[in-house]
Amino acid sequence: MDRARTTRTSAAALLAAGLALALLPAGPAAAGPRDSAPDARTLDAVAAGLDAAAWAAGTDVTGWYPDPTTGRVVIGVAGGDPGAAGPLIAASGVDAGAVRVETGEPRPLAPDVPASAADPAPGRGTAAADAQIIGGEPFATDGVVRCVIGLAVDTGFVAGPGCGEVGDTASGTGGGTGTFAAVSPAGAALVVADPGWTPTPYVRMGAGLATVSGSQEAPVGAQVCRAGATTGVHCGVVQARNQTVNFPQGPVSGLTRTSICTEPGDRPGPYLSGGQAQGIHAGGAGSCATGGATYFAPINPLLAGWGVTLMAG
């Protein structure tokens, strides 16, 4: 009887110790790979377990993502208390040794999409024969300019979160109209263009146009660029895939994390790596003065889910 009680007590102590270890701030030893690092499928399974328990993530938890270089799923926490991730880890039931908590993360915010008086007045759009759909250019939703075109597809274009709901009318500042036909779980939207608003394989990057040549996924560590309405063209690197971000409006999974900075007013535009389309801006954290991160919804799952084809040249 005493031996059984001792065994149960030891097991409980080991479990508590494992959870406490996961909640320690990352130190130099945490930077290297684990002795037997799990494969990507195992890490994705751990991330999925956290996704299922997202309801337990407090407001100080900024998000989580699989990190194959360390063999753990990284949980970000705003502030300096790694214990803020404890309820999420406990509720998910994942192996506490499979996660690492990083403190001091900036709080993420969804895209800022207010109307801007600086944008050209769009009216209601026209069906002019020369109206073109070009990524990165502003458009109006129900007569109010709030967003920029993301990436053109054969039926119209993909727009970012907060730009409109199914049934809303989109109109180009240079002419053309369309209708919001679908919205993804991440908030990205498909706009189907009316005749006369022609999709093109171009994206405005600063003063020039970049040609989209495909949508090959850039690996972690690759350079990626985006054009923001406030910050202009900024570039960085892909930091992680399959990121879940705990936005104030609720968690969004399946995003890609980059090192590109963001500022208020940066509307949800496109991301490119060379000529390869990567995705649509879904939010960010921090600022260009202090550093931070941005997140995008990958374009390929959106194309497949909606059955549309990216415009490429």
C-alpha atoms as a PDB file:
ATOM      1  CA  MET A   1       0.000   0.000   0.000  1.00  0.00           C
ATOM      2  CA  ASP A   2       2.814   2.434   1.023  1.00  0.00           C
ATOM      3  CA  ARG A   3       4.757   1.456  -2.090  1.00  0.00           C
ATOM      4  CA  ALA A   4       1.741   2.202  -4.358  1.00  0.00           C
ATOM      5  CA  ARG A   5       1.229   5.579  -2.671  1.00  0.00           C
ATOM      6  CA  THR A   6       4.942   6.381  -3.107  1.00  0.00           C
ATOM      7  CA  THR A   7       4.785   5.440  -6.818  1.00  0.00           C
ATOM      8  CA  ARG A   8       1.764   7.708  -7.417  1.00  0.00           C
ATOM      9  CA  THR A   9       3.463  10.566  -5.547  1.00  0.00           C
ATOM     10  CA  SER A  10       6.656  10.160  -7.610  1.00  0.00           C
ATOM     11  CA  ALA A  11       4.721  10.154 -10.895  1.00  0.00           C
ATOM     12  CA  ALA A  12       2.862  13.331  -9.921  1.00  0.00           C
ATOM     13  CA  ALA A  13       6.160  14.973  -8.968  1.00  0.00           C
ATOM     14  CA  LEU A  14       7.709  14.044 -12.315  1.00  0.00           C
ATOM     15  CA  LEU A  15       4.727  15.474 -14.222  1.00  0.00           C
ATOM     16  CA  ALA A  16       4.891  18.726 -12.269  1.00  0.00           C
ATOM     17  CA  ALA A  17       8.642  18.936 -12.864  1.00  0.00           C
ATOM     18  CA  GLY A  18       8.159  18.419 -16.608  1.00  0.00           C
ATOM     19  CA  LEU A  19       5.586  21.223 -16.787  1.00  0.00           C
ATOM     20  CA  ALA A  20       7.810  23.526 -14.746  1.00  0.00           C
ATOM     21  CA  LEU A  21      10.729  22.820 -17.095  1.00  0.00           C
ATOM     22  CA  ALA A  22       8.638  23.753 -20.141  1.00  0.00           C
ATOM     23  CA  LEU A  23       7.691  27.040 -18.497  1.00  0.00           C
ATOM     24  CA  LEU A  24      11.289  28.124 -17.870  1.00  0.00           C
ATOM     25  CA  PRO A  25      12.434  31.042 -20.077  1.00  0.00           C
ATOM     26  CA  ALA A  26      14.576  29.926 -22.989  1.00  0.00           C
ATOM     27  CA  GLY A  27      18.293  30.036 -22.174  1.00  0.00           C
ATOM     28  CA  PRO A  28      21.402  29.242 -24.198  1.00  0.00           C
ATOM     29  CA  ALA A  29      20.864  25.504 -23.856  1.00  0.00           C
ATOM     30  CA  ALA A  30      17.399  25.815 -25.392  1.00  0.00           C
ATOM     31  CA  ALA A  31      18.791  27.279 -28.591  1.00  0.00           C
ATOM     32  CA  GLY A  32      20.153  24.011 -29.931  1.00  0.00           C
ATOM     33  CA  PRO A  33      18.249  20.999 -31.275  1.00  0.00           C
ATOM     34  CA  ARG A  34      16.989  18.295 -28.964  1.00  0.00           C
ATOM     35  CA  ASP A  35      18.958  15.042 -28.801  1.00  0.00           C
ATOM     36  CA  SER A  36      16.160  13.242 -30.635  1.00  0.00           C
ATOM     37  CA  ALA A  37      14.147  16.024 -32.248  1.00  0.00           C
ATOM     38  CA  PRO A  38      10.659  15.003 -33.397  1.00  0.00           C
ATOM     39  CA  ASP A  39       9.827  15.217 -37.073  1.00  0.00           C
ATOM     40  CA  ALA A  40       7.629  17.902 -38.601  1.00  0.00           C
ATOM     41  CA  ARG A  41       4.544  15.700 -38.425  1.00  0.00           C
ATOM     42  CA  THR A  42       4.997  15.207 -34.687  1.00  0.00           C
ATOM     43  CA  LEU A  43       5.498  18.936 -34.120  1.00  0.00           C
ATOM     44  CA  ASP A  44       2.378  19.696 -36.164  1.00  0.00           C
ATOM     45  CA  ALA A  45       0.461  17.237 -33.989  1.00  0.00           C
ATOM     46  CA  VAL A  46       1.621  19.066 -30.856  1.00  0.00           C
ATOM     47  CA  ALA A  47       0.576  22.386 -32.413  1.00  0.00           C
ATOM     48  CA  ALA A  48      -2.805  20.876 -33.300  1.00  0.00           C
ATOM     49  CA  GLY A  49      -3.219  19.818 -29.669  1.00  0.00           C
ATOM     50  CA  LEU A  50      -2.625  23.400 -28.579  1.00  0.00           C
ATOM     51  CA  ASP A  51      -5.065  24.618 -31.245  1.00  0.00           C
ATOM     52  CA  ALA A  52      -7.755  22.351 -29.793  1.00  0.00           C
ATOM     53  CA  ALA A  53      -7.210  23.941 -26.381  1.00  0.00           C
ATOM     54  CA  ALA A  54      -6.950  27.524 -27.658  1.00  0.00           C
ATOM     55  CA  TRP A  55      -9.880  28.445 -25.396  1.00  0.00           C
ATOM     56  CA  ALA A  56      -7.480  28.074 -22.463  1.00  0.00           C
ATOM     57  CA  ALA A  57      -4.942  30.553 -23.845  1.00  0.00           C
ATOM     58  CA  GLY A  58      -5.073  33.729 -21.799  1.00  0.00           C
ATOM     59  CA  THR A  59      -4.634  37.188 -23.251  1.00  0.00           C
ATOM     60  CA  ASP A  60      -0.904  37.110 -22.477  1.00  0.00           C
ATOM     61  CA  VAL A  61      -0.376  34.153 -24.828  1.00  0.00           C
ATOM     62  CA  THR A  62       0.484  35.642 -28.235  1.00  0.00           C
ATOM     63  CA  GLY A  63       0.530  32.404 -30.252  1.00  0.00           C
ATOM     64  CA  TRP A  64       2.478  29.233 -31.005  1.00  0.00           C
ATOM     65  CA  TYR A  65       4.323  27.573 -33.883  1.00  0.00           C
ATOM     66  CA  PRO A  66       6.414  24.450 -34.617  1.00  0.00           C
ATOM     67  CA  ASP A  67      10.145  25.157 -34.601  1.00  0.00           C
ATOM     68  CA  PRO A  68      12.000  22.300 -36.346  1.00  0.00           C
ATOM     69  CA  THR A  69      15.403  23.785 -35.495  1.00  0.00           C
ATOM     70  CA  THR A  70      14.862  23.191 -31.768  1.00  0.00           C
ATOM     71  CA  GLY A  71      12.420  20.296 -32.046  1.00  0.00           C
ATOM     72  CA  ARG A  72       9.771  22.033 -29.977  1.00  0.00           C
ATOM     73  CA  VAL A  73       6.604  24.040 -30.434  1.00  0.00           C
ATOM     74  CA  VAL A  74       7.287  27.604 -29.332  1.00  0.00           C
ATOM     75  CA  ILE A  75       4.602  29.371 -27.281  1.00  0.00           C
ATOM     76  CA  GLY A  76       4.937  33.153 -27.190  1.00  0.00           C
ATOM     77  CA  VAL A  77       3.962  35.130 -24.104  1.00  0.00           C
ATOM     78  CA  ALA A  78       3.674  38.890 -23.704  1.00  0.00           C
ATOM     79  CA  GLY A  79       5.408  40.122 -20.553  1.00  0.00           C
ATOM     80  CA  GLY A  80       7.909  38.204 -18.500  1.00  0.00           C
ATOM     81  CA  ASP A  81       5.875  35.444 -16.861  1.00  0.00           C
ATOM     82  CA  PRO A  82       6.321  32.080 -18.618  1.00  0.00           C
ATOM     83  CA  GLY A  83       3.652  30.671 -16.301  1.00  0.00           C
ATOM     84  CA  ALA A  84       1.033  32.442 -18.435  1.00  0.00           C
ATOM     85  CA  ALA A  85       1.325  29.506 -20.860  1.00  0.00           C
ATOM     86  CA  GLY A  86       0.619  26.952 -18.132  1.00  0.00           C
ATOM     87  CA  PRO A  87      -3.185  26.752 -18.495  1.00  0.00           C
ATOM     88  CA  LEU A  88      -2.884  26.230 -22.272  1.00  0.00           C
ATOM     89  CA  ILE A  89      -0.283  23.478 -21.907  1.00  0.00           C
ATOM     90  CA  ALA A  90      -2.268  21.741 -19.182  1.00  0.00           C
ATOM     91  CA  ALA A  91      -5.586  21.931 -21.044  1.00  0.00           C
ATOM     92  CA  SER A  92      -4.052  20.623 -24.286  1.00  0.00           C
ATOM     93  CA  GLY A  93      -2.555  17.535 -22.671  1.00  0.00           C
ATOM     94  CA  VAL A  94       0.550  17.768 -24.871  1.00  0.00           C
ATOM     95  CA  ASP A  95       3.940  16.604 -23.660  1.00  0.00           C
ATOM     96  CA  ALA A  96       5.338  19.495 -21.640  1.00  0.00           C
ATOM     97  CA  GLY A  97       8.807  18.626 -22.924  1.00  0.00           C
ATOM     98  CA  ALA A  98       7.665  19.230 -26.505  1.00  0.00           C
ATOM     99  CA  VAL A  99       7.042  22.959 -25.968  1.00  0.00           C
ATOM    100  CA  ARG A 100       9.213  25.955 -25.171  1.00  0.00           C
ATOM    101  CA  VAL A 101       7.898  29.248 -23.797  1.00  0.00           C
ATOM    102  CA  GLU A 102       9.380  32.530 -25.036  1.00  0.00           C
ATOM    103  CA  THR A 103       8.554  35.661 -23.050  1.00  0.00           C
ATOM    104  CA  GLY A 104       8.591  39.324 -24.063  1.00  0.00           C
ATOM    105  CA  GLU A 105       6.675  38.763 -27.302  1.00  0.00           C
ATOM    106  CA  PRO A 106       4.761  41.781 -28.705  1.00  0.00           C
ATOM    107  CA  ARG A 107       0.990  41.490 -28.713  1.00  0.00           C
ATOM    108  CA  PRO A 108      -0.447  40.734 -32.178  1.00  0.00           C
ATOM    109  CA  LEU A 109      -3.055  42.913 -33.851  1.00  0.00           C
ATOM    110  CA  ALA A 110      -5.288  42.173 -36.820  1.00  0.00           C
ATOM    111  CA  PRO A 111      -4.917  44.415 -39.899  1.00  0.00           C
ATOM    112  CA  ASP A 112      -5.914  48.048 -39.522  1.00  0.00           C
ATOM    113  CA  VAL A 113      -8.442  48.775 -42.281  1.00  0.00           C
ATOM    114  CA  PRO A 114     -10.004  52.203 -41.664  1.00  0.00           C
ATOM    115  CA  ALA A 115     -11.221  54.445 -44.478  1.00  0.00           C
ATOM    116  CA  SER A 116      -8.483  56.809 -45.602  1.00  0.00           C
ATOM    117  CA  ALA A 117      -9.106  60.315 -46.900  1.00  0.00           C
ATOM    118  CA  ALA A 118      -5.715  60.154 -48.629  1.00  0.00           C
ATOM    119  CA  ASP A 119      -6.914  57.499 -51.059  1.00  0.00           C
ATOM    120  CA  PRO A 120      -8.515  58.477 -54.373  1.00  0.00           C
ATOM    121  CA  ALA A 121     -12.300  58.729 -54.264  1.00  0.00           C
ATOM    122  CA  PRO A 122     -13.512  55.529 -55.945  1.00  0.00           C
ATOM    123  CA  GLY A 123     -17.121  56.365 -56.641  1.00  0.00           C
ATOM    124  CA  ARG A 124     -18.906  53.112 -57.507  1.00  0.00           C
ATOM    125  CA  GLY A 125     -16.461  51.947 -60.137  1.00  0.00           C
ATOM    126  CA  THR A 126     -17.068  51.528 -63.847  1.00  0.00           C
ATOM    127  CA  ALA A 127     -16.917  48.749 -66.369  1.00  0.00           C
ATOM    128  CA  ALA A 128     -14.229  50.538 -68.381  1.00  0.00           C
ATOM    129  CA  ALA A 129     -12.391  48.220 -70.765  1.00  0.00           C
ATOM    130  CA  ASP A 130      -8.983  49.339 -69.416  1.00  0.00           C
ATOM    131  CA  ALA A 131      -9.757  48.723 -65.731  1.00  0.00           C
ATOM    132  CA  GLN A 132      -7.108  46.339 -64.399  1.00  0.00           C
ATOM    133  CA  ILE A 133      -6.789  44.323 -61.216  1.00  0.00           C
ATOM    134  CA  ILE A 134      -3.278  44.936 -59.843  1.00  0.00           C
ATOM    135  CA  GLY A 135      -2.132  43.658 -56.466  1.00  0.00           C
ATOM    136  CA  GLY A 136      -1.243  46.330 -53.919  1.00  0.00           C
ATOM    137  CA  GLU A 137      -3.592  48.966 -55.373  1.00  0.00           C
ATOM    138  CA  PRO A 138      -6.485  50.356 -53.279  1.00  0.00           C
ATOM    139  CA  PHE A 139     -10.093  49.370 -53.754  1.00  0.00           C
ATOM    140  CA  ALA A 140     -13.362  50.278 -52.078  1.00  0.00           C
ATOM    141  CA  THR A 141     -15.889  48.102 -50.279  1.00  0.00           C
ATOM    142  CA  ASP A 142     -19.428  49.453 -50.627  1.00  0.00           C
ATOM    143  CA  GLY A 143     -17.977  52.834 -51.634  1.00  0.00           C
ATOM    144  CA  VAL A 144     -15.407  53.199 -48.820  1.00  0.00           C
ATOM    145  CA  VAL A 145     -11.688  52.702 -49.464  1.00  0.00           C
ATOM    146  CA  ARG A 146     -10.398  50.361 -46.759  1.00  0.00           C
ATOM    147  CA  CYS A 147      -8.024  47.838 -48.358  1.00  0.00           C
ATOM    148  CA  VAL A 148      -5.654  47.058 -51.171  1.00  0.00           C
ATOM    149  CA  ILE A 149      -5.999  44.277 -53.710  1.00  0.00           C
ATOM    150  CA  GLY A 150      -4.034  41.218 -52.628  1.00  0.00           C
ATOM    151  CA  LEU A 151      -3.308  38.859 -55.509  1.00  0.00           C
ATOM    152  CA  ALA A 152      -5.190  38.540 -58.797  1.00  0.00           C
ATOM    153  CA  VAL A 153      -6.802  35.224 -59.745  1.00  0.00           C
ATOM    154  CA  ASP A 154      -8.612  34.124 -62.889  1.00  0.00           C
ATOM    155  CA  THR A 155     -12.032  35.155 -61.504  1.00  0.00           C
ATOM    156  CA  GLY A 156     -10.984  38.354 -59.724  1.00  0.00           C
ATOM    157  CA  PHE A 157      -8.690  38.727 -56.713  1.00  0.00           C
ATOM    158  CA  VAL A 158      -7.935  37.722 -53.141  1.00  0.00           C
ATOM    159  CA  ALA A 159      -8.283  40.390 -50.449  1.00  0.00           C
ATOM    160  CA  GLY A 160      -7.216  40.411 -46.822  1.00  0.00           C
ATOM    161  CA  PRO A 161      -9.044  40.162 -43.496  1.00  0.00           C
ATOM    162  CA  GLY A 162     -11.494  42.887 -42.625  1.00  0.00           C
ATOM    163  CA  CYS A 163     -11.932  44.066 -46.201  1.00  0.00           C
ATOM    164  CA  GLY A 164     -15.530  42.868 -46.659  1.00  0.00           C
ATOM    165  CA  GLU A 165     -18.162  40.207 -46.138  1.00  0.00           C
ATOM    166  CA  VAL A 166     -19.889  37.892 -48.595  1.00  0.00           C
ATOM    167  CA  GLY A 167     -22.241  39.950 -50.758  1.00  0.00           C
ATOM    168  CA  ASP A 168     -20.393  43.281 -50.360  1.00  0.00           C
ATOM    169  CA  THR A 169     -19.508  45.239 -53.500  1.00  0.00           C
ATOM    170  CA  ALA A 170     -15.887  45.984 -54.405  1.00  0.00           C
ATOM    171  CA  SER A 171     -14.912  48.775 -56.778  1.00  0.00           C
ATOM    172  CA  GLY A 172     -11.530  49.762 -58.150  1.00  0.00           C
ATOM    173  CA  THR A 173     -10.200  53.286 -57.863  1.00  0.00           C
ATOM    174  CA  GLY A 174      -9.476  53.139 -61.604  1.00  0.00           C
ATOM    175  CA  GLY A 175     -12.785  51.523 -62.534  1.00  0.00           C
ATOM    176  CA  GLY A 176     -14.317  48.084 -62.360  1.00  0.00           C
ATOM    177  CA  THR A 177     -16.625  46.355 -59.893  1.00  0.00           C
ATOM    178  CA  GLY A 178     -16.947  42.953 -58.250  1.00  0.00           C
ATOM    179  CA  THR A 179     -18.607  41.052 -55.411  1.00  0.00           C
ATOM    180  CA  PHE A 180     -17.229  39.389 -52.289  1.00  0.00           C
ATOM    181  CA  ALA A 181     -17.966  35.707 -52.898  1.00  0.00           C
ATOM    182  CA  ALA A 182     -16.208  33.869 -50.038  1.00  0.00           C
ATOM    183  CA  VAL A 183     -14.293  34.474 -46.798  1.00  0.00           C
ATOM    184  CA  SER A 184     -11.769  31.985 -45.357  1.00  0.00           C
ATOM    185  CA  PRO A 185     -11.406  31.074 -41.655  1.00  0.00           C
ATOM    186  CA  ALA A 186      -8.321  33.304 -41.567  1.00  0.00           C
ATOM    187  CA  GLY A 187     -10.409  36.199 -42.912  1.00  0.00           C
ATOM    188  CA  ALA A 188      -9.000  36.350 -46.458  1.00  0.00           C
ATOM    189  CA  ALA A 189     -11.704  36.991 -49.054  1.00  0.00           C
ATOM    190  CA  LEU A 190     -12.352  36.089 -52.690  1.00  0.00           C
ATOM    191  CA  VAL A 191     -13.739  38.890 -54.845  1.00  0.00           C
ATOM    192  CA  VAL A 192     -15.279  37.870 -58.172  1.00  0.00           C
ATOM    193  CA  ALA A 193     -14.864  40.634 -60.737  1.00  0.00           C
ATOM    194  CA  ASP A 194     -17.574  41.787 -63.121  1.00  0.00           C
ATOM    195  CA  PRO A 195     -16.803  41.923 -66.866  1.00  0.00           C
ATOM    196  CA  GLY A 196     -14.526  44.846 -67.625  1.00  0.00           C
ATOM    197  CA  TRP A 197     -12.344  44.537 -64.514  1.00  0.00           C
ATOM    198  CA  THR A 198      -9.452  42.454 -65.813  1.00  0.00           C
ATOM    199  CA  PRO A 199      -7.095  40.401 -63.582  1.00  0.00           C
ATOM    200  CA  THR A 200      -3.352  40.835 -64.245  1.00  0.00           C
ATOM    201  CA  PRO A 201      -0.225  39.084 -62.893  1.00  0.00           C
ATOM    202  CA  TYR A 202       1.128  42.346 -61.452  1.00  0.00           C
ATOM    203  CA  VAL A 203       1.688  43.628 -57.917  1.00  0.00           C
ATOM    204  CA  ARG A 204       2.592  47.234 -57.134  1.00  0.00           C
ATOM    205  CA  MET A 205       5.788  47.333 -55.067  1.00  0.00           C
ATOM    206  CA  GLY A 206       6.703  50.940 -54.360  1.00  0.00           C
ATOM    207  CA  ALA A 207       6.898  52.950 -57.571  1.00  0.00           C
ATOM    208  CA  GLY A 208       7.091  49.905 -59.851  1.00  0.00           C
ATOM    209  CA  LEU A 209       5.224  46.734 -60.746  1.00  0.00           C
ATOM    210  CA  ALA A 210       6.426  43.224 -59.917  1.00  0.00           C
ATOM    211  CA  THR A 211       5.301  40.306 -62.078  1.00  0.00           C
ATOM    212  CA  VAL A 212       3.938  37.256 -60.281  1.00  0.00           C
ATOM    213  CA  SER A 213       5.357  34.134 -61.919  1.00  0.00           C
ATOM    214  CA  GLY A 214       3.930  31.449 -59.611  1.00  0.00           C
ATOM    215  CA  SER A 215       3.209  30.498 -56.022  1.00  0.00           C
ATOM    216  CA  GLN A 216       6.056  28.201 -54.986  1.00  0.00           C
ATOM    217  CA  GLU A 217       6.213  28.193 -51.197  1.00  0.00           C
ATOM    218  CA  ALA A 218       9.347  29.865 -49.829  1.00  0.00           C
ATOM    219  CA  PRO A 219      11.106  27.804 -47.120  1.00  0.00           C
ATOM    220  CA  VAL A 220      11.805  29.005 -43.606  1.00  0.00           C
ATOM    221  CA  GLY A 221      14.742  31.407 -43.806  1.00  0.00           C
ATOM    222  CA  ALA A 222      13.944  32.653 -47.319  1.00  0.00           C
ATOM    223  CA  GLN A 223      13.518  36.342 -48.070  1.00  0.00           C
ATOM    224  CA  VAL A 224       9.970  37.681 -48.436  1.00  0.00           C
ATOM    225  CA  CYS A 225       8.712  41.214 -49.128  1.00  0.00           C
ATOM    226  CA  ARG A 226       5.452  43.090 -48.819  1.00  0.00           C
ATOM    227  CA  ALA A 227       4.204  46.578 -49.642  1.00  0.00           C
ATOM    228  CA  GLY A 228       2.386  48.350 -46.797  1.00  0.00           C
ATOM    229  CA  ALA A 229       0.130  51.364 -47.197  1.00  0.00           C
ATOM    230  CA  THR A 230       1.948  53.062 -44.311  1.00  0.00           C
ATOM    231  CA  THR A 231       5.461  51.596 -44.285  1.00  0.00           C
ATOM    232  CA  GLY A 232       6.008  51.106 -48.020  1.00  0.00           C
ATOM    233  CA  VAL A 233       8.043  48.123 -49.207  1.00  0.00           C
ATOM    234  CA  HIS A 234       9.692  46.103 -46.454  1.00  0.00           C
ATOM    235  CA  CYS A 235      11.479  42.771 -46.620  1.00  0.00           C
ATOM    236  CA  GLY A 236      12.446  40.135 -44.093  1.00  0.00           C
ATOM    237  CA  VAL A 237      12.620  36.367 -43.791  1.00  0.00           C
ATOM    238  CA  VAL A 238      10.122  33.577 -43.262  1.00  0.00           C
ATOM    239  CA  GLN A 239      10.448  32.567 -39.608  1.00  0.00           C
ATOM    240  CA  ALA A 240       7.837  29.850 -39.138  1.00  0.00           C
ATOM    241  CA  ARG A 241       4.923  28.072 -40.765  1.00  0.00           C
ATOM    242  CA  ASN A 242       1.692  26.716 -39.311  1.00  0.00           C
ATOM    243  CA  GLN A 243       1.642  29.583 -36.791  1.00  0.00           C
ATOM    244  CA  THR A 244      -1.409  30.098 -34.614  1.00  0.00           C
ATOM    245  CA  VAL A 245      -1.822  33.753 -33.625  1.00  0.00           C
ATOM    246  CA  ASN A 246      -3.910  34.698 -30.607  1.00  0.00           C
ATOM    247  CA  PHE A 247      -5.459  37.928 -31.933  1.00  0.00           C
ATOM    248  CA  PRO A 248      -7.745  39.957 -29.646  1.00  0.00           C
ATOM    249  CA  GLN A 249     -10.628  38.830 -31.875  1.00  0.00           C
ATOM    250  CA  GLY A 250      -9.681  35.168 -31.361  1.00  0.00           C
ATOM    251  CA  PRO A 251      -7.007  32.666 -32.453  1.00  0.00           C
ATOM    252  CA  VAL A 252      -6.255  32.102 -36.156  1.00  0.00           C
ATOM    253  CA  SER A 253      -4.220  29.057 -37.216  1.00  0.00           C
ATOM    254  CA  GLY A 254      -2.321  28.069 -40.346  1.00  0.00           C
ATOM    255  CA  LEU A 255      -0.525  31.401 -40.778  1.00  0.00           C
ATOM    256  CA  THR A 256       3.100  32.044 -41.765  1.00  0.00           C
ATOM    257  CA  ARG A 257       5.298  34.225 -39.546  1.00  0.00           C
ATOM    258  CA  THR A 258       7.876  36.671 -40.955  1.00  0.00           C
ATOM    259  CA  SER A 259      10.369  39.164 -39.530  1.00  0.00           C
ATOM    260  CA  ILE A 260       8.856  42.050 -41.544  1.00  0.00           C
ATOM    261  CA  CYS A 261       7.727  44.989 -39.425  1.00  0.00           C
ATOM    262  CA  THR A 262       4.303  46.630 -39.557  1.00  0.00           C
ATOM    263  CA  GLU A 263       2.653  49.885 -38.514  1.00  0.00           C
ATOM    264  CA  PRO A 264      -0.952  51.015 -37.926  1.00  0.00           C
ATOM    265  CA  GLY A 265      -2.624  51.685 -41.261  1.00  0.00           C
ATOM    266  CA  ASP A 266      -0.775  48.935 -43.133  1.00  0.00           C
ATOM    267  CA  ARG A 267      -3.656  47.330 -44.971  1.00  0.00           C
ATOM    268  CA  PRO A 268      -3.715  43.592 -45.774  1.00  0.00           C
ATOM    269  CA  GLY A 269      -1.745  43.371 -49.015  1.00  0.00           C
ATOM    270  CA  PRO A 270       0.322  40.664 -50.753  1.00  0.00           C
ATOM    271  CA  TYR A 271       3.619  38.999 -49.859  1.00  0.00           C
ATOM    272  CA  LEU A 272       6.136  37.983 -52.535  1.00  0.00           C
ATOM    273  CA  SER A 273       9.373  36.004 -52.512  1.00  0.00           C
ATOM    274  CA  GLY A 274      11.087  36.921 -55.741  1.00  0.00           C
ATOM    275  CA  GLY A 275       8.319  36.496 -58.309  1.00  0.00           C
ATOM    276  CA  GLN A 276       6.529  33.844 -56.257  1.00  0.00           C
ATOM    277  CA  ALA A 277       3.299  34.847 -54.519  1.00  0.00           C
ATOM    278  CA  GLN A 278       3.304  33.766 -50.875  1.00  0.00           C
ATOM    279  CA  GLY A 279       0.121  35.042 -49.259  1.00  0.00           C
ATOM    280  CA  ILE A 280      -2.033  37.861 -47.907  1.00  0.00           C
ATOM    281  CA  HIS A 281      -1.270  39.964 -44.822  1.00  0.00           C
ATOM    282  CA  ALA A 282      -3.223  38.747 -41.800  1.00  0.00           C
ATOM    283  CA  GLY A 283      -1.809  40.838 -38.956  1.00  0.00           C
ATOM    284  CA  GLY A 284       1.314  41.828 -37.087  1.00  0.00           C
ATOM    285  CA  ALA A 285       2.947  42.625 -33.776  1.00  0.00           C
ATOM    286  CA  GLY A 286       5.337  45.329 -32.638  1.00  0.00           C
ATOM    287  CA  SER A 287       6.401  48.207 -34.893  1.00  0.00           C
ATOM    288  CA  CYS A 288       9.117  49.173 -37.343  1.00  0.00           C
ATOM    289  CA  ALA A 289      10.791  51.202 -34.565  1.00  0.00           C
ATOM    290  CA  THR A 290      10.878  48.424 -31.984  1.00  0.00           C
ATOM    291  CA  GLY A 291      10.810  45.347 -34.225  1.00  0.00           C
ATOM    292  CA  GLY A 292       8.233  42.600 -34.259  1.00  0.00           C
ATOM    293  CA  ALA A 293       6.655  40.178 -36.671  1.00  0.00           C
ATOM    294  CA  THR A 294       3.976  39.948 -39.339  1.00  0.00           C
ATOM    295  CA  TYR A 295       1.748  37.061 -40.353  1.00  0.00           C
ATOM    296  CA  PHE A 296       0.210  36.099 -43.679  1.00  0.00           C
ATOM    297  CA  ALA A 297      -2.369  33.601 -44.859  1.00  0.00           C
ATOM    298  CA  PRO A 298      -0.596  31.313 -47.383  1.00  0.00           C
ATOM    299  CA  ILE A 299      -2.009  31.694 -50.882  1.00  0.00           C
ATOM    300  CA  ASN A 300      -1.889  28.064 -52.077  1.00  0.00           C
ATOM    301  CA  PRO A 301      -4.473  26.679 -49.607  1.00  0.00           C
ATOM    302  CA  LEU A 302      -6.773  29.583 -50.510  1.00  0.00           C
ATOM    303  CA  LEU A 303      -6.459  28.870 -54.243  1.00  0.00           C
ATOM    304  CA  ALA A 304      -7.159  25.176 -53.699  1.00  0.00           C
ATOM    305  CA  GLY A 305     -10.078  25.786 -51.375  1.00  0.00           C
ATOM    306  CA  TRP A 306     -11.804  28.181 -53.746  1.00  0.00           C
ATOM    307  CA  GLY A 307     -10.891  26.374 -56.972  1.00  0.00           C
ATOM    308  CA  VAL A 308      -9.323  29.448 -58.564  1.00  0.00           C
ATOM    309  CA  THR A 309      -6.038  29.973 -60.434  1.00  0.00           C
ATOM    310  CA  LEU A 310      -3.392  32.566 -59.627  1.00  0.00           C
ATOM    311  CA  MET A 311      -2.669  35.024 -62.414  1.00  0.00           C
ATOM    312  CA  ALA A 312       0.967  34.504 -63.452  1.00  0.00           C
ATOM    313  CA  GLY A 313       3.060  35.993 -66.217  1.00  0.00           C
END
